[in-house]
């Protein structure tokens, strides 16, 4: 056999680049780009003055502040509690550990309406937990934060957990043998490894909280200017067949969310360069 004979390329299990790219572009176009384009298309039926009047309405502005503020607060709480839970699940062995580990994913499987009803029954003024407090939890922004923390917690736990599992105990032992305290070991050795995962979990929890409707609508009380979230205003306008008004507010949420998530991803990229490389 001629030694110059070209070797055949190995057959690929996955289709070639062009076919895969075509499927990817079709998927992104039909399920992401086209729906987003329709939002902007419906908004174009409004004049600039009408658009500004709708999106700058005091009721709408109050809902923006509430939605973004509670989503941010819930995201930060999820970073704190999610990191602690991930640490406990990875570093300690205790009875029913696997059951607790499985319960972390419960908000993923639980219908959001069921979660909202359950949280409301717990934190209402006459609820099992709410009755022990002298201040209201349900039907206030605090209740919204609790609901958003509940549905966003798994994102942080599941992103931090694998990183903790990959950190060898030998690294901590080496740090201790060099005279580092536990706090120094955590801040100088462990925490830098966790930063990218924490930022990823925060961005996922924050994004989920911004668009959450089912669990919040029950515990919020939906009082205009007080506990009315932006998704509820959008739903109200859709029920009134005010599609242009609903899409106008949706555009504001979409653009603002994109800018915030882009900023978070930029910070995450910078953190990866600083702490990983």
Protein backbone atom coordinates (compact mmCIF):
# COMPACT_ATOMS: atom_id res chain seq x y z
CA UNK A 1 0.00 0.00 0.00
CA UNK A 2 1.29 3.42 -0.91
CA UNK A 3 2.62 5.22 2.17
CA UNK A 4 1.40 8.49 0.72
CA UNK A 5 -2.20 7.37 0.83
CA UNK A 6 -4.22 9.88 2.80
CA UNK A 7 -5.74 8.61 5.98
CA UNK A 8 -9.48 8.77 6.23
CA UNK A 9 -10.84 11.18 8.76
CA UNK A 10 -12.52 9.46 11.66
CA UNK A 11 -16.29 9.47 11.45
CA UNK A 12 -17.89 11.93 13.83
CA UNK A 13 -20.75 10.87 16.04
CA UNK A 14 -22.02 14.46 16.14
CA UNK A 15 -22.84 16.07 12.75
CA UNK A 16 -20.34 18.44 11.16
CA UNK A 17 -19.77 22.05 12.06
CA UNK A 18 -22.04 23.61 9.44
CA UNK A 19 -25.00 21.36 10.22
CA UNK A 20 -24.58 21.87 13.97
CA UNK A 21 -24.27 25.62 13.48
CA UNK A 22 -27.45 25.61 11.39
CA UNK A 23 -29.39 23.81 14.11
CA UNK A 24 -28.00 26.19 16.73
CA UNK A 25 -28.94 29.31 14.78
CA UNK A 26 -32.42 27.93 14.06
CA UNK A 27 -32.96 27.15 17.74
CA UNK A 28 -31.71 30.55 18.91
CA UNK A 29 -33.75 32.37 16.26
CA UNK A 30 -37.06 30.61 16.91
CA UNK A 31 -36.93 30.42 20.70
CA UNK A 32 -34.92 33.53 21.65
CA UNK A 33 -34.44 36.16 18.96
CA UNK A 34 -37.89 36.00 17.33
CA UNK A 35 -39.90 36.36 20.58
CA UNK A 36 -37.67 39.23 21.70
CA UNK A 37 -38.02 40.90 18.31
CA UNK A 38 -41.82 40.70 18.61
CA UNK A 39 -41.64 42.60 21.90
CA UNK A 40 -39.87 45.48 20.19
CA UNK A 41 -42.20 45.19 17.18
CA UNK A 42 -45.34 45.68 19.29
CA UNK A 43 -43.70 48.60 21.08
CA UNK A 44 -43.09 50.35 17.76
CA UNK A 45 -46.84 50.95 17.44
CA UNK A 46 -46.44 53.58 20.18
CA UNK A 47 -45.12 57.05 19.63
CA UNK A 48 -42.09 58.12 21.63
CA UNK A 49 -44.25 60.31 23.87
CA UNK A 50 -46.67 57.44 24.53
CA UNK A 51 -43.79 55.07 25.27
CA UNK A 52 -42.20 57.47 27.76
CA UNK A 53 -45.57 58.13 29.39
CA UNK A 54 -46.19 54.41 29.95
CA UNK A 55 -42.74 53.41 31.20
CA UNK A 56 -42.30 56.50 33.39
CA UNK A 57 -45.67 56.19 35.09
CA UNK A 58 -45.21 56.42 38.90
CA UNK A 59 -46.82 53.01 39.32
CA UNK A 60 -44.42 51.47 36.79
CA UNK A 61 -41.37 53.15 38.34
CA UNK A 62 -42.37 51.88 41.79
CA UNK A 63 -42.61 48.36 40.36
CA UNK A 64 -39.14 48.67 38.75
CA UNK A 65 -37.61 49.66 42.07
CA UNK A 66 -39.38 46.84 43.88
CA UNK A 67 -38.54 44.15 41.31
CA UNK A 68 -34.86 45.03 40.93
CA UNK A 69 -34.38 45.83 44.63
CA UNK A 70 -35.91 42.59 45.90
CA UNK A 71 -34.10 40.55 43.22
CA UNK A 72 -30.78 42.07 44.28
CA UNK A 73 -31.47 41.48 47.98
CA UNK A 74 -32.53 37.89 47.33
CA UNK A 75 -29.45 37.28 45.18
CA UNK A 76 -27.13 38.50 47.94
CA UNK A 77 -28.93 36.38 50.55
CA UNK A 78 -28.65 33.37 48.26
CA UNK A 79 -24.90 33.95 47.96
CA UNK A 80 -24.59 33.89 51.76
CA UNK A 81 -26.90 30.98 52.55
CA UNK A 82 -26.11 29.03 49.38
CA UNK A 83 -22.37 29.10 50.04
CA UNK A 84 -22.88 27.99 53.65
CA UNK A 85 -25.18 25.14 52.62
CA UNK A 86 -22.78 24.01 49.89
CA UNK A 87 -19.92 24.06 52.41
CA UNK A 88 -21.86 21.96 54.93
CA UNK A 89 -22.95 19.42 52.30
CA UNK A 90 -19.41 18.99 50.97
CA UNK A 91 -17.27 19.18 54.12
CA UNK A 92 -19.39 17.38 56.73
CA UNK A 93 -21.04 13.98 57.09
CA UNK A 94 -24.24 13.72 59.10
CA UNK A 95 -27.48 11.71 59.14
CA UNK A 96 -29.96 12.34 56.31
CA UNK A 97 -27.33 14.26 54.35
CA UNK A 98 -28.53 12.86 51.01
CA UNK A 99 -32.13 13.77 51.80
CA UNK A 100 -31.15 17.35 52.60
CA UNK A 101 -29.01 17.48 49.47
CA UNK A 102 -32.01 16.38 47.42
CA UNK A 103 -34.29 18.93 49.08
CA UNK A 104 -32.03 21.71 47.79
CA UNK A 105 -33.40 21.06 44.29
CA UNK A 106 -37.03 21.15 45.44
CA UNK A 107 -37.63 24.73 44.18
CA UNK A 108 -36.70 23.51 40.68
CA UNK A 109 -39.42 20.86 40.67
CA UNK A 110 -42.08 22.60 42.76
CA UNK A 111 -44.63 24.65 40.78
CA UNK A 112 -44.10 28.31 41.60
CA UNK A 113 -47.77 28.80 42.48
CA UNK A 114 -47.54 26.00 45.04
CA UNK A 115 -44.42 27.59 46.50
CA UNK A 116 -46.22 30.94 46.75
CA UNK A 117 -49.22 29.44 48.53
CA UNK A 118 -46.99 27.49 50.93
CA UNK A 119 -44.87 30.53 51.80
CA UNK A 120 -47.96 32.69 52.27
CA UNK A 121 -49.50 30.16 54.66
CA UNK A 122 -46.28 30.19 56.67
CA UNK A 123 -45.58 33.92 56.80
CA UNK A 124 -49.10 35.42 56.81
CA UNK A 125 -50.01 37.32 60.00
CA UNK A 126 -51.89 34.24 61.24
CA UNK A 127 -49.48 31.74 59.67
CA UNK A 128 -47.32 29.18 61.42
CA UNK A 129 -44.29 31.47 61.43
CA UNK A 130 -45.79 34.91 60.84
CA UNK A 131 -47.87 34.81 64.02
CA UNK A 132 -44.73 34.98 66.15
CA UNK A 133 -43.57 38.32 64.73
CA UNK A 134 -44.82 41.76 65.70
CA UNK A 135 -44.39 42.99 62.11
CA UNK A 136 -45.86 41.76 58.85
CA UNK A 137 -43.79 39.52 56.59
CA UNK A 138 -46.29 38.42 53.97
CA UNK A 139 -47.80 41.16 51.80
CA UNK A 140 -44.66 43.28 52.21
CA UNK A 141 -41.37 43.56 50.27
CA UNK A 142 -39.83 41.30 52.93
CA UNK A 143 -42.20 38.52 51.90
CA UNK A 144 -41.19 39.00 48.27
CA UNK A 145 -37.51 38.69 49.20
CA UNK A 146 -38.24 35.44 51.07
CA UNK A 147 -40.04 34.00 48.04
CA UNK A 148 -37.24 35.01 45.66
CA UNK A 149 -34.62 33.61 48.02
CA UNK A 150 -36.50 30.31 48.12
CA UNK A 151 -36.63 29.88 44.34
CA UNK A 152 -33.06 31.09 43.73
CA UNK A 153 -31.14 29.21 46.43
CA UNK A 154 -30.40 26.05 44.36
CA UNK A 155 -28.55 28.08 41.72
CA UNK A 156 -25.86 29.15 44.18
CA UNK A 157 -25.63 25.81 45.97
CA UNK A 158 -25.25 23.81 42.76
CA UNK A 159 -22.61 26.12 41.28
CA UNK A 160 -20.48 26.37 44.44
CA UNK A 161 -20.75 22.70 45.43
CA UNK A 162 -18.61 21.21 42.59
CA UNK A 163 -15.86 23.78 43.18
CA UNK A 164 -15.67 22.90 46.86
CA UNK A 165 -15.52 19.21 45.97
CA UNK A 166 -12.52 19.87 43.70
CA UNK A 167 -10.55 21.73 46.37
CA UNK A 168 -8.24 19.14 47.89
CA UNK A 169 -7.95 18.90 51.66
CA UNK A 170 -4.18 18.72 51.13
CA UNK A 171 -4.20 22.35 50.05
CA UNK A 172 -5.74 23.39 53.36
CA UNK A 173 -3.30 21.18 55.27
CA UNK A 174 -0.38 22.75 53.43
CA UNK A 175 -1.69 26.21 54.27
CA UNK A 176 -2.02 25.26 57.94
CA UNK A 177 1.48 23.76 58.00
CA UNK A 178 2.84 27.09 56.78
CA UNK A 179 1.31 28.81 59.81
CA UNK A 180 -1.87 30.20 58.28
CA UNK A 181 -4.93 30.52 60.49
CA UNK A 182 -8.31 29.12 59.45
CA UNK A 183 -9.48 32.59 58.46
CA UNK A 184 -6.36 33.17 56.38
CA UNK A 185 -6.73 29.78 54.72
CA UNK A 186 -10.31 30.54 53.78
CA UNK A 187 -9.67 34.10 52.58
CA UNK A 188 -6.40 33.41 50.73
CA UNK A 189 -6.83 29.84 49.49
CA UNK A 190 -10.48 28.77 49.37
CA UNK A 191 -12.42 31.97 48.72
CA UNK A 192 -10.52 32.97 45.54
CA UNK A 193 -11.45 29.59 44.06
CA UNK A 194 -15.10 30.14 44.94
CA UNK A 195 -15.47 33.68 43.56
CA UNK A 196 -16.23 32.73 39.91
CA UNK A 197 -18.76 30.10 41.00
CA UNK A 198 -20.39 32.50 43.47
CA UNK A 199 -20.75 35.16 40.77
CA UNK A 200 -22.26 32.60 38.40
CA UNK A 201 -24.75 31.47 41.03
CA UNK A 202 -25.62 35.07 41.88
CA UNK A 203 -26.26 35.98 38.24
CA UNK A 204 -28.51 32.93 37.75
CA UNK A 205 -30.45 33.59 40.97
CA UNK A 206 -30.76 37.29 40.15
CA UNK A 207 -32.01 36.59 36.62
CA UNK A 208 -34.54 34.05 37.89
CA UNK A 209 -35.77 36.48 40.55
CA UNK A 210 -36.32 39.29 38.04
CA UNK A 211 -38.73 37.21 36.00
CA UNK A 212 -40.44 35.37 38.85
CA UNK A 213 -44.21 35.70 38.97
CA UNK A 214 -45.98 32.61 40.33
CA UNK A 215 -44.48 32.42 43.81
CA UNK A 216 -44.44 36.19 44.34
CA UNK A 217 -47.98 37.02 43.28
CA UNK A 218 -49.44 35.21 46.31
CA UNK A 219 -47.14 36.48 49.05
CA UNK A 220 -46.78 40.04 47.73
CA UNK A 221 -50.37 41.18 48.16
CA UNK A 222 -50.06 43.11 44.87
CA UNK A 223 -50.77 46.54 46.31
CA UNK A 224 -49.95 49.25 43.73
CA UNK A 225 -47.00 51.48 44.68
CA UNK A 226 -46.15 49.11 47.57
CA UNK A 227 -45.91 45.41 46.70
CA UNK A 228 -46.73 45.29 42.99
CA UNK A 229 -43.93 43.73 40.94
CA UNK A 230 -43.30 44.57 37.28
CA UNK A 231 -44.33 41.14 35.89
CA UNK A 232 -47.73 41.64 37.54
CA UNK A 233 -48.20 45.00 35.79
CA UNK A 234 -47.33 43.33 32.49
CA UNK A 235 -49.88 40.57 33.14
CA UNK A 236 -52.53 43.12 34.11
CA UNK A 237 -52.03 45.04 30.86
CA UNK A 238 -52.21 41.81 28.85
CA UNK A 239 -55.51 40.93 30.53
CA UNK A 240 -56.75 44.39 29.52
CA UNK A 241 -55.60 43.71 25.90
CA UNK A 242 -53.14 46.58 26.18
CA UNK A 243 -50.39 44.71 24.32
CA UNK A 244 -48.44 47.84 23.41
CA UNK A 245 -48.36 49.00 27.03
CA UNK A 246 -47.34 45.56 28.26
CA UNK A 247 -44.53 45.27 25.72
CA UNK A 248 -43.31 48.81 26.49
CA UNK A 249 -42.76 47.90 30.14
CA UNK A 250 -41.33 44.55 29.06
CA UNK A 251 -38.77 46.36 26.88
CA UNK A 252 -37.60 48.39 29.87
CA UNK A 253 -37.22 45.21 31.94
CA UNK A 254 -35.48 43.43 29.07
CA UNK A 255 -32.95 46.17 28.35
CA UNK A 256 -32.22 46.86 32.02
CA UNK A 257 -31.86 43.15 32.80
CA UNK A 258 -29.52 42.69 29.84
CA UNK A 259 -27.30 45.57 30.95
CA UNK A 260 -27.16 44.30 34.54
CA UNK A 261 -26.44 40.70 33.54
CA UNK A 262 -23.81 41.85 31.04
CA UNK A 263 -22.15 43.81 33.83
CA UNK A 264 -22.27 40.80 36.16
CA UNK A 265 -20.77 38.57 33.46
CA UNK A 266 -18.04 41.14 32.86
CA UNK A 267 -17.21 41.14 36.57
CA UNK A 268 -17.23 37.35 36.50
CA UNK A 269 -14.81 37.34 33.55
CA UNK A 270 -12.48 39.74 35.35
CA UNK A 271 -12.69 37.58 38.48
CA UNK A 272 -11.79 34.50 36.45
CA UNK A 273 -8.71 36.25 35.08
CA UNK A 274 -7.65 37.45 38.51
CA UNK A 275 -8.32 34.42 40.67
CA UNK A 276 -8.00 31.47 38.28
CA UNK A 277 -5.04 32.36 36.09
